[in-house]
Amino acid sequence: MPDPRPFGEAEMLEVAARAIGKIDARGPIGVSRVTYEEIEAMAATLVCLGVTPIPPAAPAPDRSPYSPIKESKL
């Protein structure tokens, strides 16, 4: 597989946001219309936000690779 082309930060976020817009507006049909470039941008955005990649054959981690959501103590 070729290396993904480099994205500038603004372009990466715009491409990722457009993909999310497709999914949000069209649901399952929107998912089928997301491009390879948009998938790359979403993955790169997740990595930039601190999500740790887990290799496909790796066992499930003991804890979340990243959890920005704080549990409520109600």
C-alpha atoms as a PDB file:
ATOM      1  CA  MET A   1       0.000   0.000   0.000  1.00  0.00           C
ATOM      2  CA  PRO A   2       1.431   3.407  -0.876  1.00  0.00           C
ATOM      3  CA  ASP A   3       2.091   5.923   1.856  1.00  0.00           C
ATOM      4  CA  PRO A   4      -0.796   8.332   2.351  1.00  0.00           C
ATOM      5  CA  ARG A   5      -0.204  11.770   0.956  1.00  0.00           C
ATOM      6  CA  PRO A   6       0.591  14.416   3.536  1.00  0.00           C
ATOM      7  CA  PHE A   7      -2.240  16.642   4.703  1.00  0.00           C
ATOM      8  CA  GLY A   8      -1.917  20.139   6.074  1.00  0.00           C
ATOM      9  CA  GLU A   9      -3.794  20.465   9.369  1.00  0.00           C
ATOM     10  CA  ALA A  10      -6.613  22.613   7.974  1.00  0.00           C
ATOM     11  CA  GLU A  11      -7.080  20.361   4.930  1.00  0.00           C
ATOM     12  CA  MET A  12      -7.009  17.189   7.054  1.00  0.00           C
ATOM     13  CA  LEU A  13      -9.693  18.524   9.373  1.00  0.00           C
ATOM     14  CA  GLU A  14     -11.868  19.756   6.497  1.00  0.00           C
ATOM     15  CA  VAL A  15     -11.681  16.437   4.632  1.00  0.00           C
ATOM     16  CA  ALA A  16     -12.433  14.518   7.846  1.00  0.00           C
ATOM     17  CA  ALA A  17     -15.326  16.841   8.673  1.00  0.00           C
ATOM     18  CA  ARG A  18     -16.810  16.371   5.191  1.00  0.00           C
ATOM     19  CA  ALA A  19     -16.724  12.606   5.686  1.00  0.00           C
ATOM     20  CA  ILE A  20     -18.468  12.961   9.030  1.00  0.00           C
ATOM     21  CA  GLY A  21     -21.012  15.220   7.319  1.00  0.00           C
ATOM     22  CA  LYS A  22     -21.760  12.508   4.740  1.00  0.00           C
ATOM     23  CA  ILE A  23     -22.278   9.938   7.478  1.00  0.00           C
ATOM     24  CA  ASP A  24     -24.339  12.285   9.645  1.00  0.00           C
ATOM     25  CA  ALA A  25     -26.603  13.377   6.784  1.00  0.00           C
ATOM     26  CA  ARG A  26     -27.088  10.015   5.069  1.00  0.00           C
ATOM     27  CA  GLY A  27     -26.452   7.323   7.684  1.00  0.00           C
ATOM     28  CA  PRO A  28     -25.450   3.926   6.237  1.00  0.00           C
ATOM     29  CA  ILE A  29     -25.579   5.226   2.662  1.00  0.00           C
ATOM     30  CA  GLY A  30     -23.236   8.043   3.679  1.00  0.00           C
ATOM     31  CA  VAL A  31     -20.771   5.509   5.089  1.00  0.00           C
ATOM     32  CA  SER A  32     -20.658   3.761   1.706  1.00  0.00           C
ATOM     33  CA  ARG A  33     -19.848   7.071   0.010  1.00  0.00           C
ATOM     34  CA  VAL A  34     -16.852   8.023   2.164  1.00  0.00           C
ATOM     35  CA  THR A  35     -13.706   8.141   0.034  1.00  0.00           C
ATOM     36  CA  TYR A  36     -10.316   6.591   0.782  1.00  0.00           C
ATOM     37  CA  GLU A  37      -8.891  10.101   1.212  1.00  0.00           C
ATOM     38  CA  GLU A  38     -11.607  10.928   3.762  1.00  0.00           C
ATOM     39  CA  ILE A  39     -10.892   7.721   5.692  1.00  0.00           C
ATOM     40  CA  GLU A  40      -7.187   8.644   5.781  1.00  0.00           C
ATOM     41  CA  ALA A  41      -8.056  12.128   7.052  1.00  0.00           C
ATOM     42  CA  MET A  42     -10.327  10.758   9.787  1.00  0.00           C
ATOM     43  CA  ALA A  43      -7.666   8.243  10.886  1.00  0.00           C
ATOM     44  CA  ALA A  44      -4.955  10.919  10.904  1.00  0.00           C
ATOM     45  CA  THR A  45      -7.217  13.203  12.929  1.00  0.00           C
ATOM     46  CA  LEU A  46      -7.780  10.463  15.523  1.00  0.00           C
ATOM     47  CA  VAL A  47      -4.028   9.874  15.814  1.00  0.00           C
ATOM     48  CA  CYS A  48      -3.435  13.627  16.207  1.00  0.00           C
ATOM     49  CA  LEU A  49      -6.033  13.643  18.991  1.00  0.00           C
ATOM     50  CA  GLY A  50      -4.064  10.975  20.842  1.00  0.00           C
ATOM     51  CA  VAL A  51      -5.780   7.703  19.930  1.00  0.00           C
ATOM     52  CA  THR A  52      -3.178   4.934  20.006  1.00  0.00           C
ATOM     53  CA  PRO A  53      -3.277   2.606  16.992  1.00  0.00           C
ATOM     54  CA  ILE A  54      -3.861  -1.078  17.824  1.00  0.00           C
ATOM     55  CA  PRO A  55      -2.447  -3.548  15.266  1.00  0.00           C
ATOM     56  CA  PRO A  56      -5.083  -5.889  13.742  1.00  0.00           C
ATOM     57  CA  ALA A  57      -3.640  -9.066  15.310  1.00  0.00           C
ATOM     58  CA  ALA A  58      -2.998  -7.518  18.730  1.00  0.00           C
ATOM     59  CA  PRO A  59      -5.076  -8.655  21.705  1.00  0.00           C
ATOM     60  CA  ALA A  60      -7.652  -6.275  23.111  1.00  0.00           C
ATOM     61  CA  PRO A  61      -6.017  -3.718  25.405  1.00  0.00           C
ATOM     62  CA  ASP A  62      -6.675  -3.828  29.148  1.00  0.00           C
ATOM     63  CA  ARG A  63      -7.872  -0.234  28.994  1.00  0.00           C
ATOM     64  CA  SER A  64      -9.065   2.211  26.402  1.00  0.00           C
ATOM     65  CA  PRO A  65      -6.310   3.400  24.050  1.00  0.00           C
ATOM     66  CA  TYR A  66      -7.658   6.902  24.677  1.00  0.00           C
ATOM     67  CA  SER A  67     -10.690   8.131  26.514  1.00  0.00           C
ATOM     68  CA  PRO A  68     -11.378  11.866  26.439  1.00  0.00           C
ATOM     69  CA  ILE A  69     -14.818  11.245  27.944  1.00  0.00           C
ATOM     70  CA  LYS A  70     -14.843  11.623  31.695  1.00  0.00           C
ATOM     71  CA  GLU A  71     -17.273   9.485  33.638  1.00  0.00           C
ATOM     72  CA  SER A  72     -19.978  11.329  35.492  1.00  0.00           C
ATOM     73  CA  LYS A  73     -20.099  10.791  39.260  1.00  0.00           C
ATOM     74  CA  LEU A  74     -23.816  11.110  39.791  1.00  0.00           C
END
